[in-house]
Amino acid sequence: MTGYGLATADYANAKYSVEIKSLNSKFLELNLKYPKAFSDKELILRNICSKDIERGKVSLSINVERTNGEVTGATINTALLSHYYKQLIAVNDELGADSSNLLQTALTFPDVISYKEESVSEDEWNHLFQIFNSALANFNKFREDEGAVLKADLELRIKNILSYFKSVEELEPKRITAIRDKFAQFLDDAVGKVNIDQNRFEQELIYYIDKIDITEEKTRLKSHCDYFLQTLASKEANGKKMGFISQEIGREINTMGAKANDAQMQQFVVGMKEELEKIKEQLLNVL
């Protein structure tokens, strides 16, 4: 969601610049700053930004710098100000009141100060609109370049998870054998081999192994990782969707860790969790 775009150009006696900046946000937060003359164009700019930018804390700044020294602003009606001021002096002398703020008071009277209505021609707006589109294109190009880097990193993290997953699959048959041997040795040491009811032992062992079986978790984890990569390859904005998929990946990894009962498998699970945390951090930057 982070991005930056800048475009500048000269038109008539002015230099125009449009700057667009964006930071991460769950929604679109758009802040516009522009000369008063373009206030009637705000809705147009907002609609385009909403459609093209979609999400992020966005700042759009339009600046117009006049190169001919033209100054626009307030105009003081000096004749009317002088008329009011003289009347105030006369009243003040008659009343013997404080005369320190008479000029300031006269400036507040009606029609003493007038403001020139700023406006832009259609040609000037069309020119500025072209600059705005150029800035928006630069902004989107910046985000596309950042997105390509993020995409490569996310693909790497998922592949790392799948690599740990493959190690878990290879370890799985050995884990069951190790658990069986461990329990058999424990009972042999505790009560002696001749006192073990083999049928009961096999029943309890099957029950326990069924409780720690991770076949379903492996299937779902592989499916979620594949779906994540498919979603990542899509041209649509799927940041939120990938966030949900990463949550599902996390659930399967956590369940595998809870059922592991094996130190080496736990190490692989920890590795997957570390990669998943990096994925979640990066997804904060994705539309």
Protein backbone atom coordinates (compact mmCIF):
# COMPACT_ATOMS: atom_id res chain seq x y z
CA MET A 1 0.00 0.00 0.00
CA THR A 2 2.96 2.35 0.36
CA GLY A 3 3.60 4.46 -2.70
CA TYR A 4 4.87 7.77 -4.05
CA GLY A 5 4.19 9.68 -7.23
CA LEU A 6 5.20 13.17 -8.38
CA ALA A 7 4.53 15.07 -11.60
CA THR A 8 5.29 18.69 -12.49
CA ALA A 9 4.71 20.87 -15.56
CA ASP A 10 4.49 24.50 -16.59
CA TYR A 11 1.36 26.09 -17.98
CA ALA A 12 0.92 29.73 -18.98
CA ASN A 13 2.53 31.73 -16.14
CA ALA A 14 2.48 29.04 -13.49
CA LYS A 15 4.29 25.88 -12.42
CA TYR A 16 2.04 23.01 -11.37
CA SER A 17 3.02 20.05 -9.23
CA VAL A 18 0.98 17.09 -8.01
CA GLU A 19 2.34 14.80 -5.28
CA ILE A 20 0.70 11.57 -4.06
CA LYS A 21 1.95 9.67 -1.00
CA SER A 22 0.50 6.60 0.66
CA LEU A 23 1.09 4.64 3.87
CA ASN A 24 -0.52 1.44 5.16
CA SER A 25 -4.13 1.50 6.31
CA LYS A 26 -6.99 -0.99 6.53
CA PHE A 27 -9.17 1.36 4.51
CA LEU A 28 -8.77 4.30 2.14
CA GLU A 29 -8.02 7.47 4.11
CA LEU A 30 -7.71 10.28 1.57
CA ASN A 31 -6.43 13.74 2.48
CA LEU A 32 -6.48 16.40 -0.27
CA LYS A 33 -4.61 19.69 -0.24
CA TYR A 34 -5.15 22.06 -3.18
CA PRO A 35 -5.65 25.76 -4.06
CA LYS A 36 -9.13 27.10 -3.42
CA ALA A 37 -9.67 27.63 -7.14
CA PHE A 38 -9.85 23.85 -7.65
CA SER A 39 -12.28 23.14 -4.82
CA ASP A 40 -15.10 22.27 -7.24
CA LYS A 41 -12.91 19.48 -8.67
CA GLU A 42 -12.47 17.66 -5.36
CA LEU A 43 -15.17 15.07 -6.01
CA ILE A 44 -13.59 14.13 -9.36
CA LEU A 45 -10.19 13.65 -7.73
CA ARG A 46 -11.65 11.66 -4.83
CA ASN A 47 -13.56 9.31 -7.13
CA ILE A 48 -10.48 8.56 -9.24
CA CYS A 49 -8.29 7.99 -6.17
CA SER A 50 -10.90 5.71 -4.60
CA LYS A 51 -11.03 3.59 -7.74
CA ASP A 52 -7.29 3.42 -8.51
CA ILE A 53 -5.68 3.48 -5.06
CA GLU A 54 -8.27 1.37 -3.17
CA ARG A 55 -6.53 1.24 0.24
CA GLY A 56 -3.99 3.23 2.21
CA LYS A 57 -3.55 6.47 4.08
CA VAL A 58 -3.18 8.75 1.07
CA SER A 59 -2.06 12.36 0.86
CA LEU A 60 -2.73 14.21 -2.40
CA SER A 61 -1.14 17.65 -2.70
CA ILE A 62 -1.63 20.09 -5.59
CA ASN A 63 0.58 23.17 -5.71
CA VAL A 64 0.42 26.11 -8.12
CA GLU A 65 3.35 28.53 -8.19
CA ARG A 66 2.76 31.69 -10.21
CA THR A 67 5.91 32.72 -12.11
CA ASN A 68 4.76 36.20 -13.15
CA GLY A 69 4.64 37.54 -9.60
CA GLU A 70 0.86 37.72 -9.65
CA VAL A 71 -0.54 37.90 -6.11
CA THR A 72 -4.13 37.10 -5.34
CA GLY A 73 -5.77 37.69 -2.01
CA ALA A 74 -7.72 40.28 -0.05
CA THR A 75 -8.33 43.84 -1.30
CA ILE A 76 -8.83 46.80 1.06
CA ASN A 77 -11.29 49.53 0.07
CA THR A 78 -9.15 52.44 1.28
CA ALA A 79 -11.79 55.13 0.66
CA LEU A 80 -14.39 53.26 2.69
CA LEU A 81 -11.85 52.46 5.41
CA SER A 82 -10.90 56.16 5.66
CA HIS A 83 -14.57 57.13 5.88
CA TYR A 84 -15.24 54.67 8.73
CA TYR A 85 -12.03 55.64 10.51
CA LYS A 86 -12.84 59.37 10.48
CA GLN A 87 -16.32 58.71 11.83
CA LEU A 88 -14.86 56.58 14.62
CA ILE A 89 -12.42 59.35 15.55
CA ALA A 90 -15.24 61.86 15.73
CA VAL A 91 -17.34 59.62 17.96
CA ASN A 92 -14.32 58.77 20.07
CA ASP A 93 -13.46 62.45 20.66
CA GLU A 94 -17.03 63.16 21.59
CA LEU A 95 -17.15 60.32 24.10
CA GLY A 96 -13.57 60.63 25.30
CA ALA A 97 -13.03 56.90 24.87
CA ASP A 98 -9.85 54.91 24.21
CA SER A 99 -8.66 55.46 20.61
CA SER A 100 -5.92 52.80 20.41
CA ASN A 101 -7.92 50.22 18.34
CA LEU A 102 -9.89 52.43 15.98
CA LEU A 103 -8.13 51.28 12.81
CA GLN A 104 -8.55 47.61 13.74
CA THR A 105 -12.21 48.23 14.42
CA ALA A 106 -12.70 50.01 11.09
CA LEU A 107 -11.18 47.04 9.25
CA THR A 108 -13.99 44.81 10.53
CA PHE A 109 -16.77 46.96 9.06
CA PRO A 110 -18.76 45.66 6.06
CA ASP A 111 -17.17 45.81 2.59
CA VAL A 112 -13.86 47.24 3.86
CA ILE A 113 -12.06 44.01 2.92
CA SER A 114 -13.13 42.01 -0.12
CA TYR A 115 -11.77 38.71 -1.39
CA LYS A 116 -11.28 37.95 -5.03
CA GLU A 117 -13.00 34.77 -6.13
CA GLU A 118 -10.39 32.44 -7.55
CA SER A 119 -11.34 30.44 -10.60
CA VAL A 120 -9.62 28.38 -13.26
CA SER A 121 -10.34 28.05 -16.92
CA GLU A 122 -11.29 24.74 -18.50
CA ASP A 123 -7.93 24.64 -20.30
CA GLU A 124 -6.06 25.15 -17.04
CA TRP A 125 -8.07 22.37 -15.36
CA ASN A 126 -7.45 20.00 -18.29
CA HIS A 127 -3.75 20.69 -18.03
CA LEU A 128 -3.71 20.08 -14.29
CA PHE A 129 -5.76 16.90 -14.77
CA GLN A 130 -3.07 15.56 -17.10
CA ILE A 131 -0.44 16.28 -14.45
CA PHE A 132 -2.59 14.54 -11.85
CA ASN A 133 -2.88 11.45 -14.07
CA SER A 134 0.88 11.43 -14.57
CA ALA A 135 1.45 11.60 -10.81
CA LEU A 136 -1.08 8.80 -10.30
CA ALA A 137 0.65 6.68 -12.95
CA ASN A 138 4.02 7.25 -11.23
CA PHE A 139 2.42 6.39 -7.91
CA ASN A 140 0.99 3.12 -9.24
CA LYS A 141 4.31 2.26 -10.92
CA PHE A 142 6.05 2.74 -7.57
CA ARG A 143 3.57 0.38 -5.92
CA GLU A 144 3.90 -2.16 -8.72
CA ASP A 145 7.69 -2.22 -8.30
CA GLU A 146 7.33 -2.58 -4.53
CA GLY A 147 4.69 -5.27 -5.12
CA ALA A 148 7.05 -7.31 -7.30
CA VAL A 149 9.60 -7.35 -4.49
CA LEU A 150 6.94 -8.31 -1.94
CA LYS A 151 5.60 -11.04 -4.21
CA ALA A 152 9.04 -12.62 -4.54
CA ASP A 153 9.52 -12.51 -0.79
CA LEU A 154 6.10 -14.02 -0.04
CA GLU A 155 6.69 -16.81 -2.55
CA LEU A 156 10.02 -17.54 -0.86
CA ARG A 157 8.37 -17.70 2.59
CA ILE A 158 5.70 -20.13 1.39
CA LYS A 159 8.32 -22.29 -0.31
CA ASN A 160 10.29 -22.33 2.95
CA ILE A 161 7.18 -23.50 4.80
CA LEU A 162 6.68 -26.23 2.21
CA SER A 163 10.32 -27.23 2.62
CA TYR A 164 9.83 -27.66 6.38
CA PHE A 165 6.59 -29.47 5.57
CA LYS A 166 8.47 -31.96 3.37
CA SER A 167 10.88 -32.63 6.25
CA VAL A 168 7.90 -33.30 8.52
CA GLU A 169 6.49 -35.77 5.99
CA GLU A 170 9.81 -37.59 5.82
CA LEU A 171 10.01 -37.74 9.61
CA GLU A 172 6.42 -38.91 10.15
CA PRO A 173 6.92 -42.70 9.69
CA LYS A 174 10.00 -42.67 11.93
CA ARG A 175 8.07 -40.73 14.58
CA ILE A 176 5.38 -43.44 14.94
CA THR A 177 8.01 -46.16 15.22
CA ALA A 178 9.92 -44.14 17.81
CA ILE A 179 6.75 -43.58 19.87
CA ARG A 180 5.94 -47.32 19.80
CA ASP A 181 9.46 -48.27 20.87
CA LYS A 182 9.43 -45.62 23.61
CA PHE A 183 6.17 -46.89 25.14
CA ALA A 184 7.25 -50.54 24.87
CA GLN A 185 10.51 -49.78 26.62
CA PHE A 186 8.73 -47.82 29.34
CA LEU A 187 6.32 -50.70 30.08
CA ASP A 188 9.13 -53.22 29.93
CA ASP A 189 11.09 -51.25 32.53
CA ALA A 190 7.99 -50.65 34.70
CA VAL A 191 6.27 -54.05 34.80
CA GLY A 192 8.42 -56.41 32.75
CA LYS A 193 7.81 -57.71 29.23
CA VAL A 194 6.12 -60.94 30.41
CA ASN A 195 3.49 -58.95 32.32
CA ILE A 196 2.43 -56.80 29.35
CA ASP A 197 -0.91 -57.59 27.73
CA GLN A 198 0.06 -57.18 24.10
CA ASN A 199 -3.52 -56.87 22.84
CA ARG A 200 -4.31 -54.11 25.33
CA PHE A 201 -0.98 -52.47 24.57
CA GLU A 202 -1.76 -52.43 20.84
CA GLN A 203 -5.24 -51.00 21.47
CA GLU A 204 -3.92 -48.17 23.65
CA LEU A 205 -1.11 -47.49 21.22
CA ILE A 206 -3.50 -47.26 18.27
CA TYR A 207 -5.75 -44.90 20.27
CA TYR A 208 -2.81 -42.67 21.19
CA ILE A 209 -1.34 -42.64 17.68
CA ASP A 210 -4.75 -41.70 16.29
CA LYS A 211 -4.85 -38.72 18.67
CA ILE A 212 -1.50 -37.40 17.44
CA ASP A 213 -2.05 -38.24 13.77
CA ILE A 214 -1.39 -35.21 11.57
CA THR A 215 -2.58 -36.57 8.23
CA GLU A 216 -5.47 -34.09 8.00
CA GLU A 217 -3.29 -31.19 9.08
CA LYS A 218 -0.69 -32.04 6.42
CA THR A 219 -3.36 -32.21 3.72
CA ARG A 220 -4.93 -28.89 4.71
CA LEU A 221 -1.59 -27.14 5.15
CA LYS A 222 -0.45 -28.16 1.67
CA SER A 223 -3.80 -27.06 0.25
CA HIS A 224 -3.66 -23.67 2.00
CA CYS A 225 -0.10 -23.02 0.81
CA ASP A 226 -1.02 -23.86 -2.79
CA TYR A 227 -4.09 -21.62 -2.56
CA PHE A 228 -1.96 -18.80 -1.15
CA LEU A 229 0.40 -19.00 -4.14
CA GLN A 230 -2.54 -19.05 -6.56
CA THR A 231 -4.04 -15.97 -4.90
CA LEU A 232 -0.66 -14.24 -4.90
CA ALA A 233 -0.39 -14.75 -8.68
CA SER A 234 -3.77 -13.08 -9.26
CA LYS A 235 -3.86 -9.58 -10.74
CA GLU A 236 -6.58 -8.51 -8.31
CA ALA A 237 -6.00 -6.83 -4.93
CA ASN A 238 -6.03 -9.80 -2.56
CA GLY A 239 -4.16 -8.58 0.51
CA LYS A 240 -7.08 -9.23 2.87
CA LYS A 241 -7.76 -12.62 1.28
CA MET A 242 -4.16 -13.70 1.72
CA GLY A 243 -4.38 -12.52 5.32
CA PHE A 244 -7.26 -14.93 5.91
CA ILE A 245 -5.38 -17.77 4.19
CA SER A 246 -2.32 -17.12 6.36
CA GLN A 247 -4.52 -17.46 9.44
CA GLU A 248 -5.64 -20.89 8.23
CA ILE A 249 -2.02 -21.86 7.57
CA GLY A 250 -1.19 -20.81 11.12
CA ARG A 251 -3.96 -23.00 12.56
CA GLU A 252 -2.64 -26.10 10.81
CA ILE A 253 0.95 -25.39 11.85
CA ASN A 254 -0.08 -24.86 15.48
CA THR A 255 -2.08 -28.11 15.50
CA MET A 256 0.87 -30.01 14.04
CA GLY A 257 3.07 -28.57 16.77
CA ALA A 258 0.61 -29.61 19.47
CA LYS A 259 0.51 -33.17 18.11
CA ALA A 260 4.20 -33.48 17.27
CA ASN A 261 5.48 -35.27 20.39
CA ASP A 262 8.89 -35.22 18.73
CA ALA A 263 11.73 -32.75 19.29
CA GLN A 264 12.92 -32.72 15.70
CA MET A 265 9.41 -32.21 14.34
CA GLN A 266 8.92 -29.36 16.78
CA GLN A 267 11.99 -27.69 15.28
CA PHE A 268 10.45 -27.90 11.82
CA VAL A 269 7.19 -26.48 13.18
CA VAL A 270 9.06 -23.57 14.78
CA GLY A 271 10.71 -22.89 11.42
CA MET A 272 7.30 -22.79 9.71
CA LYS A 273 5.97 -20.40 12.37
CA GLU A 274 8.90 -18.05 11.85
CA GLU A 275 8.27 -17.95 8.09
CA LEU A 276 4.55 -17.39 8.65
CA GLU A 277 5.20 -14.42 10.94
CA LYS A 278 7.31 -12.82 8.22
CA ILE A 279 4.46 -13.40 5.77
CA LYS A 280 1.96 -11.70 8.08
CA GLU A 281 4.25 -8.70 8.49
CA GLN A 282 4.61 -8.33 4.73
CA LEU A 283 0.89 -8.69 4.11
CA LEU A 284 0.37 -5.40 5.96
CA ASN A 285 1.89 -3.77 2.88
CA VAL A 286 -0.31 -5.55 0.34
CA LEU A 287 -3.57 -4.24 -1.11
